[in-house]
Amino acid sequence: MASKAIVKRKASTSPTKITKKILIR
């Protein structure tokens, strides 16, 4: 749950890189 909040915050800068890292993880 906390990771989702961090992802949303980071998505502001680079959503593609963040989403790709999460999908790969």
PDB file of N, CA and C in Angstrom:
ATOM      1  N   MET A   1       0.856  -1.206   0.000  1.00  0.00           N
ATOM      2  CA  MET A   1       0.000   0.000   0.000  1.00  0.00           C
ATOM      3  C   MET A   1       0.891   1.256   0.000  1.00  0.00           C
ATOM      4  N   ALA A   2       1.867   1.257   0.844  1.00  0.00           N
ATOM      5  CA  ALA A   2       2.756   2.437   0.914  1.00  0.00           C
ATOM      6  C   ALA A   2       3.507   2.596  -0.404  1.00  0.00           C
ATOM      7  N   SER A   3       3.836   1.469  -1.013  1.00  0.00           N
ATOM      8  CA  SER A   3       4.577   1.532  -2.296  1.00  0.00           C
ATOM      9  C   SER A   3       3.732   2.257  -3.344  1.00  0.00           C
ATOM     10  N   LYS A   4       2.408   2.066  -3.302  1.00  0.00           N
ATOM     11  CA  LYS A   4       1.526   2.727  -4.305  1.00  0.00           C
ATOM     12  C   LYS A   4       1.625   4.246  -4.146  1.00  0.00           C
ATOM     13  N   ALA A   5       1.673   4.709  -2.937  1.00  0.00           N
ATOM     14  CA  ALA A   5       1.742   6.162  -2.693  1.00  0.00           C
ATOM     15  C   ALA A   5       3.069   6.695  -3.232  1.00  0.00           C
ATOM     16  N   ILE A   6       4.130   5.950  -3.010  1.00  0.00           N
ATOM     17  CA  ILE A   6       5.454   6.388  -3.497  1.00  0.00           C
ATOM     18  C   ILE A   6       5.460   6.381  -5.019  1.00  0.00           C
ATOM     19  N   VAL A   7       4.849   5.368  -5.573  1.00  0.00           N
ATOM     20  CA  VAL A   7       4.803   5.253  -7.039  1.00  0.00           C
ATOM     21  C   VAL A   7       4.059   6.450  -7.624  1.00  0.00           C
ATOM     22  N   LYS A   8       2.963   6.804  -7.018  1.00  0.00           N
ATOM     23  CA  LYS A   8       2.171   7.946  -7.536  1.00  0.00           C
ATOM     24  C   LYS A   8       3.010   9.224  -7.454  1.00  0.00           C
ATOM     25  N   ARG A   9       3.763   9.364  -6.419  1.00  0.00           N
ATOM     26  CA  ARG A   9       4.581  10.590  -6.230  1.00  0.00           C
ATOM     27  C   ARG A   9       5.704  10.584  -7.262  1.00  0.00           C
ATOM     28  N   LYS A  10       6.331   9.452  -7.431  1.00  0.00           N
ATOM     29  CA  LYS A  10       7.452   9.374  -8.405  1.00  0.00           C
ATOM     30  C   LYS A  10       6.885   9.480  -9.827  1.00  0.00           C
ATOM     31  N   ALA A  11       5.692   8.984 -10.012  1.00  0.00           N
ATOM     32  CA  ALA A  11       5.078   9.012 -11.355  1.00  0.00           C
ATOM     33  C   ALA A  11       5.039  10.460 -11.858  1.00  0.00           C
ATOM     34  N   SER A  12       5.030  11.391 -10.947  1.00  0.00           N
ATOM     35  CA  SER A  12       4.986  12.813 -11.341  1.00  0.00           C
ATOM     36  C   SER A  12       6.224  13.155 -12.189  1.00  0.00           C
ATOM     37  N   THR A  13       7.331  12.528 -11.863  1.00  0.00           N
ATOM     38  CA  THR A  13       8.579  12.837 -12.572  1.00  0.00           C
ATOM     39  C   THR A  13       8.755  11.904 -13.781  1.00  0.00           C
ATOM     40  N   SER A  14       8.649  10.600 -13.535  1.00  0.00           N
ATOM     41  CA  SER A  14       8.830   9.658 -14.661  1.00  0.00           C
ATOM     42  C   SER A  14       7.950   8.428 -14.450  1.00  0.00           C
ATOM     43  N   PRO A  15       6.711   8.495 -14.870  1.00  0.00           N
ATOM     44  CA  PRO A  15       5.745   7.393 -14.687  1.00  0.00           C
ATOM     45  C   PRO A  15       6.162   6.155 -15.482  1.00  0.00           C
ATOM     46  N   THR A  16       6.726   6.355 -16.646  1.00  0.00           N
ATOM     47  CA  THR A  16       7.114   5.198 -17.479  1.00  0.00           C
ATOM     48  C   THR A  16       8.217   4.394 -16.792  1.00  0.00           C
ATOM     49  N   LYS A  17       9.225   5.063 -16.306  1.00  0.00           N
ATOM     50  CA  LYS A  17      10.344   4.342 -15.657  1.00  0.00           C
ATOM     51  C   LYS A  17       9.851   3.670 -14.371  1.00  0.00           C
ATOM     52  N   ILE A  18       9.014   4.331 -13.644  1.00  0.00           N
ATOM     53  CA  ILE A  18       8.521   3.773 -12.370  1.00  0.00           C
ATOM     54  C   ILE A  18       7.631   2.557 -12.638  1.00  0.00           C
ATOM     55  N   THR A  19       6.702   2.715 -13.526  1.00  0.00           N
ATOM     56  CA  THR A  19       5.766   1.619 -13.816  1.00  0.00           C
ATOM     57  C   THR A  19       6.538   0.420 -14.350  1.00  0.00           C
ATOM     58  N   LYS A  20       7.497   0.675 -15.194  1.00  0.00           N
ATOM     59  CA  LYS A  20       8.290  -0.443 -15.767  1.00  0.00           C
ATOM     60  C   LYS A  20       9.039  -1.166 -14.648  1.00  0.00           C
ATOM     61  N   LYS A  21       9.572  -0.424 -13.727  1.00  0.00           N
ATOM     62  CA  LYS A  21      10.331  -1.059 -12.618  1.00  0.00           C
ATOM     63  C   LYS A  21       9.382  -1.907 -11.768  1.00  0.00           C
ATOM     64  N   ILE A  22       8.197  -1.408 -11.533  1.00  0.00           N
ATOM     65  CA  ILE A  22       7.234  -2.142 -10.690  1.00  0.00           C
ATOM     66  C   ILE A  22       6.749  -3.387 -11.435  1.00  0.00           C
ATOM     67  N   LEU A  23       6.495  -3.229 -12.723  1.00  0.00           N
ATOM     68  CA  LEU A  23       6.000  -4.372 -13.509  1.00  0.00           C
ATOM     69  C   LEU A  23       7.073  -5.455 -13.550  1.00  0.00           C
ATOM     70  N   ILE A  24       8.309  -5.035 -13.709  1.00  0.00           N
ATOM     71  CA  ILE A  24       9.413  -6.009 -13.771  1.00  0.00           C
ATOM     72  C   ILE A  24       9.579  -6.665 -12.403  1.00  0.00           C
ATOM     73  N   ARG A  25       9.412  -5.874 -11.374  1.00  0.00           N
ATOM     74  CA  ARG A  25       9.590  -6.401  -9.999  1.00  0.00           C
ATOM     75  C   ARG A  25       8.418  -7.309  -9.717  1.00  0.00           C
TER      76      ARG A  25
END
